[in-house]
Amino acid sequence: MFKILLMDKRFLLLLFVINFFGTIYGYWWYKSQLEVTPAKFLIFVPDSPTASLFFTMVLLLFLINKSSPYIEALAFVTLFKYGIWAVVMNLLTLAVNGELSLAGYMLIASHGGMAIQAVLYSPFYKIKLKHLTVAGIWTLHNDVIDYVFNMMPHYGDLNTYMDNIGYFTFWLSIASILLVYFLNVRKVDSIEKF
């Protein structure tokens, strides 16, 4: 019953609209950082909106009864990773500052929703190891751009913890890749053996 709801065209369209406008807002949120970002890094800086863009593309493909396992892998890994990452960063901001803006609470809710969407739609993905490999390379490369070339999102008072945040982010990437492997790749591979 729940799976039927998730793939209902009206529900998919609603999620598509929400994610579409959320993606636009996400790129707008990065506007000031993008203005000072060297051109060669631009594609790698807006992490969360790019993740939701991948998922918006997945939803559009579902609406027209198509799929793209490469986009699904990119969406699943990055949506889960950056969803969890933003929740943790905002909670850390709350812990460090003792308060959080209304926008911070909105980011917790919206990014928590991103991670939940990624997992809820996992039964519908057709991700194989080659698709996950591309998504894994993209995600880990993005970590290098963020924490080696200092292109990570700016979180004010958290800048003093950047080394720790970079370490956490790397392992969150690994955990996200492993989650996709166990929920999709291993399942798809075992089905194909029969």
C-alpha atoms as a PDB file:
ATOM      1  CA  MET A   1       0.000   0.000   0.000  1.00  0.00           C
ATOM      2  CA  PHE A   2       2.774   2.438   0.977  1.00  0.00           C
ATOM      3  CA  LYS A   3       4.780   1.610  -2.169  1.00  0.00           C
ATOM      4  CA  ILE A   4       1.684   2.290  -4.270  1.00  0.00           C
ATOM      5  CA  LEU A   5       1.369   5.747  -2.696  1.00  0.00           C
ATOM      6  CA  LEU A   6       5.048   6.543  -3.309  1.00  0.00           C
ATOM      7  CA  MET A   7       4.687   5.807  -7.028  1.00  0.00           C
ATOM      8  CA  ASP A   8       1.241   7.391  -7.460  1.00  0.00           C
ATOM      9  CA  LYS A   9       1.580  10.007 -10.231  1.00  0.00           C
ATOM     10  CA  ARG A  10      -0.119  12.713  -8.166  1.00  0.00           C
ATOM     11  CA  PHE A  11       2.200  12.093  -5.222  1.00  0.00           C
ATOM     12  CA  LEU A  12       5.230  12.008  -7.521  1.00  0.00           C
ATOM     13  CA  LEU A  13       4.131  15.299  -9.070  1.00  0.00           C
ATOM     14  CA  LEU A  14       3.731  16.879  -5.622  1.00  0.00           C
ATOM     15  CA  LEU A  15       7.220  15.719  -4.596  1.00  0.00           C
ATOM     16  CA  PHE A  16       8.598  16.888  -7.926  1.00  0.00           C
ATOM     17  CA  VAL A  17       7.212  20.414  -7.391  1.00  0.00           C
ATOM     18  CA  ILE A  18       8.460  20.550  -3.777  1.00  0.00           C
ATOM     19  CA  ASN A  19      11.937  19.338  -4.757  1.00  0.00           C
ATOM     20  CA  PHE A  20      12.060  21.580  -7.837  1.00  0.00           C
ATOM     21  CA  PHE A  21      11.409  24.739  -5.828  1.00  0.00           C
ATOM     22  CA  GLY A  22      13.579  23.480  -2.970  1.00  0.00           C
ATOM     23  CA  THR A  23      16.420  23.048  -5.450  1.00  0.00           C
ATOM     24  CA  ILE A  24      15.986  26.591  -6.757  1.00  0.00           C
ATOM     25  CA  TYR A  25      15.975  27.930  -3.179  1.00  0.00           C
ATOM     26  CA  GLY A  26      19.081  25.863  -2.429  1.00  0.00           C
ATOM     27  CA  TYR A  27      21.025  27.381  -5.303  1.00  0.00           C
ATOM     28  CA  TRP A  28      19.852  30.841  -4.197  1.00  0.00           C
ATOM     29  CA  TRP A  29      21.058  30.062  -0.649  1.00  0.00           C
ATOM     30  CA  TYR A  30      24.555  29.448  -2.088  1.00  0.00           C
ATOM     31  CA  LYS A  31      24.457  32.671  -4.141  1.00  0.00           C
ATOM     32  CA  SER A  32      26.979  34.654  -2.086  1.00  0.00           C
ATOM     33  CA  GLN A  33      29.410  31.730  -1.935  1.00  0.00           C
ATOM     34  CA  LEU A  34      29.044  31.024  -5.664  1.00  0.00           C
ATOM     35  CA  GLU A  35      29.852  34.660  -6.458  1.00  0.00           C
ATOM     36  CA  VAL A  36      33.365  34.226  -5.002  1.00  0.00           C
ATOM     37  CA  THR A  37      33.937  30.627  -6.126  1.00  0.00           C
ATOM     38  CA  PRO A  38      36.478  30.021  -8.923  1.00  0.00           C
ATOM     39  CA  ALA A  39      34.709  28.805 -12.080  1.00  0.00           C
ATOM     40  CA  LYS A  40      36.437  25.405 -12.027  1.00  0.00           C
ATOM     41  CA  PHE A  41      34.796  24.604  -8.659  1.00  0.00           C
ATOM     42  CA  LEU A  42      31.295  25.955  -9.336  1.00  0.00           C
ATOM     43  CA  ILE A  43      29.674  22.587 -10.062  1.00  0.00           C
ATOM     44  CA  PHE A  44      30.961  21.128  -6.785  1.00  0.00           C
ATOM     45  CA  VAL A  45      30.069  23.914  -4.332  1.00  0.00           C
ATOM     46  CA  PRO A  46      26.242  23.806  -4.058  1.00  0.00           C
ATOM     47  CA  ASP A  47      26.083  20.335  -2.475  1.00  0.00           C
ATOM     48  CA  SER A  48      22.507  20.044  -1.209  1.00  0.00           C
ATOM     49  CA  PRO A  49      20.757  21.703  -4.156  1.00  0.00           C
ATOM     50  CA  THR A  50      22.680  19.517  -6.583  1.00  0.00           C
ATOM     51  CA  ALA A  51      21.601  16.462  -4.582  1.00  0.00           C
ATOM     52  CA  SER A  52      17.976  17.576  -4.710  1.00  0.00           C
ATOM     53  CA  LEU A  53      18.398  18.342  -8.429  1.00  0.00           C
ATOM     54  CA  PHE A  54      19.436  14.717  -8.992  1.00  0.00           C
ATOM     55  CA  PHE A  55      16.375  13.539  -7.052  1.00  0.00           C
ATOM     56  CA  THR A  56      14.096  15.952  -8.938  1.00  0.00           C
ATOM     57  CA  MET A  57      15.391  14.359 -12.154  1.00  0.00           C
ATOM     58  CA  VAL A  58      14.636  10.887 -10.738  1.00  0.00           C
ATOM     59  CA  LEU A  59      11.084  11.986  -9.921  1.00  0.00           C
ATOM     60  CA  LEU A  60      10.618  13.427 -13.411  1.00  0.00           C
ATOM     61  CA  LEU A  61      11.790  10.139 -14.919  1.00  0.00           C
ATOM     62  CA  PHE A  62       9.406   8.193 -12.659  1.00  0.00           C
ATOM     63  CA  LEU A  63       6.569  10.463 -13.840  1.00  0.00           C
ATOM     64  CA  ILE A  64       7.233   9.469 -17.444  1.00  0.00           C
ATOM     65  CA  ASN A  65       7.806   5.786 -16.564  1.00  0.00           C
ATOM     66  CA  LYS A  66      11.536   5.858 -17.175  1.00  0.00           C
ATOM     67  CA  SER A  67      14.622   5.477 -15.041  1.00  0.00           C
ATOM     68  CA  SER A  68      18.317   6.263 -15.061  1.00  0.00           C
ATOM     69  CA  PRO A  69      20.361   4.188 -12.618  1.00  0.00           C
ATOM     70  CA  TYR A  70      23.269   6.642 -12.788  1.00  0.00           C
ATOM     71  CA  ILE A  71      21.024   9.545 -11.751  1.00  0.00           C
ATOM     72  CA  GLU A  72      19.361   7.317  -9.134  1.00  0.00           C
ATOM     73  CA  ALA A  73      22.752   6.440  -7.630  1.00  0.00           C
ATOM     74  CA  LEU A  74      23.861  10.078  -7.591  1.00  0.00           C
ATOM     75  CA  ALA A  75      20.534  11.094  -6.056  1.00  0.00           C
ATOM     76  CA  PHE A  76      20.499   8.388  -3.380  1.00  0.00           C
ATOM     77  CA  VAL A  77      24.098   8.841  -2.217  1.00  0.00           C
ATOM     78  CA  THR A  78      24.111  12.635  -2.238  1.00  0.00           C
ATOM     79  CA  LEU A  79      20.547  13.161  -0.993  1.00  0.00           C
ATOM     80  CA  PHE A  80      21.155  10.960   2.018  1.00  0.00           C
ATOM     81  CA  LYS A  81      24.647  12.325   2.681  1.00  0.00           C
ATOM     82  CA  TYR A  82      23.854  16.028   2.439  1.00  0.00           C
ATOM     83  CA  GLY A  83      20.509  15.576   4.142  1.00  0.00           C
ATOM     84  CA  ILE A  84      22.209  14.078   7.195  1.00  0.00           C
ATOM     85  CA  TRP A  85      25.163  16.473   6.928  1.00  0.00           C
ATOM     86  CA  ALA A  86      23.010  19.616   7.059  1.00  0.00           C
ATOM     87  CA  VAL A  87      20.965  18.292   9.975  1.00  0.00           C
ATOM     88  CA  VAL A  88      24.162  17.572  11.927  1.00  0.00           C
ATOM     89  CA  MET A  89      25.741  20.958  11.049  1.00  0.00           C
ATOM     90  CA  ASN A  90      22.658  22.863  12.172  1.00  0.00           C
ATOM     91  CA  LEU A  91      22.424  20.867  15.403  1.00  0.00           C
ATOM     92  CA  LEU A  92      26.132  21.531  15.940  1.00  0.00           C
ATOM     93  CA  THR A  93      25.497  25.238  15.348  1.00  0.00           C
ATOM     94  CA  LEU A  94      22.761  25.088  17.972  1.00  0.00           C
ATOM     95  CA  ALA A  95      25.124  23.349  20.411  1.00  0.00           C
ATOM     96  CA  VAL A  96      27.962  25.843  19.813  1.00  0.00           C
ATOM     97  CA  ASN A  97      25.863  29.040  19.783  1.00  0.00           C
ATOM     98  CA  GLY A  98      23.079  28.014  22.139  1.00  0.00           C
ATOM     99  CA  GLU A  99      20.523  29.138  19.568  1.00  0.00           C
ATOM    100  CA  LEU A 100      19.504  28.558  15.968  1.00  0.00           C
ATOM    101  CA  SER A 101      17.722  30.835  13.537  1.00  0.00           C
ATOM    102  CA  LEU A 102      14.337  29.989  12.051  1.00  0.00           C
ATOM    103  CA  ALA A 103      16.173  29.272   8.785  1.00  0.00           C
ATOM    104  CA  GLY A 104      18.352  26.767  10.651  1.00  0.00           C
ATOM    105  CA  TYR A 105      15.301  24.885  11.872  1.00  0.00           C
ATOM    106  CA  MET A 106      13.862  24.988   8.347  1.00  0.00           C
ATOM    107  CA  LEU A 107      17.126  23.525   7.052  1.00  0.00           C
ATOM    108  CA  ILE A 108      16.948  20.710   9.621  1.00  0.00           C
ATOM    109  CA  ALA A 109      13.403  19.826   8.524  1.00  0.00           C
ATOM    110  CA  SER A 110      14.018  20.115   4.778  1.00  0.00           C
ATOM    111  CA  HIS A 111      17.338  18.260   4.816  1.00  0.00           C
ATOM    112  CA  GLY A 112      15.980  15.584   7.112  1.00  0.00           C
ATOM    113  CA  GLY A 113      13.249  15.171   4.500  1.00  0.00           C
ATOM    114  CA  MET A 114      15.905  14.797   1.811  1.00  0.00           C
ATOM    115  CA  ALA A 115      17.528  11.878   3.621  1.00  0.00           C
ATOM    116  CA  ILE A 116      14.153  10.241   4.280  1.00  0.00           C
ATOM    117  CA  GLN A 117      13.129  10.570   0.610  1.00  0.00           C
ATOM    118  CA  ALA A 118      16.365   8.938  -0.478  1.00  0.00           C
ATOM    119  CA  VAL A 119      15.689   5.864   1.645  1.00  0.00           C
ATOM    120  CA  LEU A 120      11.929   5.667   0.978  1.00  0.00           C
ATOM    121  CA  TYR A 121      12.469   5.508  -2.776  1.00  0.00           C
ATOM    122  CA  SER A 122      15.341   3.008  -2.606  1.00  0.00           C
ATOM    123  CA  PRO A 123      13.119   0.000  -3.473  1.00  0.00           C
ATOM    124  CA  PHE A 124      12.392   1.595  -6.851  1.00  0.00           C
ATOM    125  CA  TYR A 125      16.001   2.231  -7.904  1.00  0.00           C
ATOM    126  CA  LYS A 126      17.836  -0.075 -10.321  1.00  0.00           C
ATOM    127  CA  ILE A 127      21.328   0.750  -9.102  1.00  0.00           C
ATOM    128  CA  LYS A 128      24.179  -1.635  -9.938  1.00  0.00           C
ATOM    129  CA  LEU A 129      27.797  -1.511  -8.841  1.00  0.00           C
ATOM    130  CA  LYS A 130      28.906   0.502 -11.900  1.00  0.00           C
ATOM    131  CA  HIS A 131      26.297   3.171 -11.142  1.00  0.00           C
ATOM    132  CA  LEU A 132      27.287   3.322  -7.478  1.00  0.00           C
ATOM    133  CA  THR A 133      30.969   3.537  -8.444  1.00  0.00           C
ATOM    134  CA  VAL A 134      30.306   6.711 -10.462  1.00  0.00           C
ATOM    135  CA  ALA A 135      28.238   8.199  -7.627  1.00  0.00           C
ATOM    136  CA  GLY A 136      30.943   7.258  -5.115  1.00  0.00           C
ATOM    137  CA  ILE A 137      33.677   8.899  -7.167  1.00  0.00           C
ATOM    138  CA  TRP A 138      31.560  12.047  -7.572  1.00  0.00           C
ATOM    139  CA  THR A 139      30.843  12.201  -3.840  1.00  0.00           C
ATOM    140  CA  LEU A 140      34.394  11.582  -2.622  1.00  0.00           C
ATOM    141  CA  HIS A 141      35.801  13.969  -5.234  1.00  0.00           C
ATOM    142  CA  ASN A 142      33.377  16.568  -3.948  1.00  0.00           C
ATOM    143  CA  ASP A 143      34.754  16.045  -0.428  1.00  0.00           C
ATOM    144  CA  VAL A 144      38.256  16.750  -1.745  1.00  0.00           C
ATOM    145  CA  ILE A 145      37.064  19.943  -3.443  1.00  0.00           C
ATOM    146  CA  ASP A 146      35.296  21.036  -0.260  1.00  0.00           C
ATOM    147  CA  TYR A 147      37.948  20.236   2.352  1.00  0.00           C
ATOM    148  CA  VAL A 148      41.260  20.258   0.471  1.00  0.00           C
ATOM    149  CA  PHE A 149      40.481  23.293  -1.711  1.00  0.00           C
ATOM    150  CA  ASN A 150      38.353  24.972   1.004  1.00  0.00           C
ATOM    151  CA  MET A 151      35.153  25.202  -1.023  1.00  0.00           C
ATOM    152  CA  MET A 152      32.917  23.818   1.751  1.00  0.00           C
ATOM    153  CA  PRO A 153      29.743  25.622   2.831  1.00  0.00           C
ATOM    154  CA  HIS A 154      30.341  28.359   5.385  1.00  0.00           C
ATOM    155  CA  TYR A 155      28.689  27.859   8.751  1.00  0.00           C
ATOM    156  CA  GLY A 156      30.017  30.842  10.692  1.00  0.00           C
ATOM    157  CA  ASP A 157      31.171  29.722  14.136  1.00  0.00           C
ATOM    158  CA  LEU A 158      31.753  26.175  12.924  1.00  0.00           C
ATOM    159  CA  ASN A 159      34.697  27.267  10.775  1.00  0.00           C
ATOM    160  CA  THR A 160      37.021  26.599  13.718  1.00  0.00           C
ATOM    161  CA  TYR A 161      35.992  22.908  13.548  1.00  0.00           C
ATOM    162  CA  MET A 162      36.608  22.481   9.807  1.00  0.00           C
ATOM    163  CA  ASP A 163      39.176  19.691  10.166  1.00  0.00           C
ATOM    164  CA  ASN A 164      36.772  17.669  12.304  1.00  0.00           C
ATOM    165  CA  ILE A 165      33.862  18.445   9.992  1.00  0.00           C
ATOM    166  CA  GLY A 166      35.922  17.338   6.985  1.00  0.00           C
ATOM    167  CA  TYR A 167      36.742  14.067   8.731  1.00  0.00           C
ATOM    168  CA  PHE A 168      33.099  13.521   9.658  1.00  0.00           C
ATOM    169  CA  THR A 169      32.027  14.356   6.092  1.00  0.00           C
ATOM    170  CA  PHE A 170      34.422  11.820   4.584  1.00  0.00           C
ATOM    171  CA  TRP A 171      33.034   9.016   6.765  1.00  0.00           C
ATOM    172  CA  LEU A 172      29.478  10.171   6.109  1.00  0.00           C
ATOM    173  CA  SER A 173      30.241   9.789   2.398  1.00  0.00           C
ATOM    174  CA  ILE A 174      31.510   6.253   2.985  1.00  0.00           C
ATOM    175  CA  ALA A 175      28.429   5.416   5.080  1.00  0.00           C
ATOM    176  CA  SER A 176      26.125   6.804   2.363  1.00  0.00           C
ATOM    177  CA  ILE A 177      27.852   4.760  -0.338  1.00  0.00           C
ATOM    178  CA  LEU A 178      27.621   1.619   1.824  1.00  0.00           C
ATOM    179  CA  LEU A 179      23.932   2.286   2.516  1.00  0.00           C
ATOM    180  CA  VAL A 180      23.218   2.381  -1.215  1.00  0.00           C
ATOM    181  CA  TYR A 181      25.258  -0.771  -1.696  1.00  0.00           C
ATOM    182  CA  PHE A 182      23.342  -2.718   0.949  1.00  0.00           C
ATOM    183  CA  LEU A 183      19.890  -1.385   0.057  1.00  0.00           C
ATOM    184  CA  ASN A 184      20.237  -1.545  -3.725  1.00  0.00           C
ATOM    185  CA  VAL A 185      23.355  -2.966  -5.333  1.00  0.00           C
ATOM    186  CA  ARG A 186      23.512  -6.154  -3.292  1.00  0.00           C
ATOM    187  CA  LYS A 187      19.760  -6.658  -3.766  1.00  0.00           C
ATOM    188  CA  VAL A 188      19.906  -6.086  -7.535  1.00  0.00           C
ATOM    189  CA  ASP A 189      22.971  -8.332  -7.888  1.00  0.00           C
ATOM    190  CA  SER A 190      21.350 -11.177  -5.926  1.00  0.00           C
ATOM    191  CA  ILE A 191      18.127 -10.944  -7.985  1.00  0.00           C
ATOM    192  CA  GLU A 192      20.093 -11.131 -11.246  1.00  0.00           C
ATOM    193  CA  LYS A 193      21.849 -14.339 -10.122  1.00  0.00           C
ATOM    194  CA  PHE A 194      18.529 -16.199 -10.117  1.00  0.00           C
END
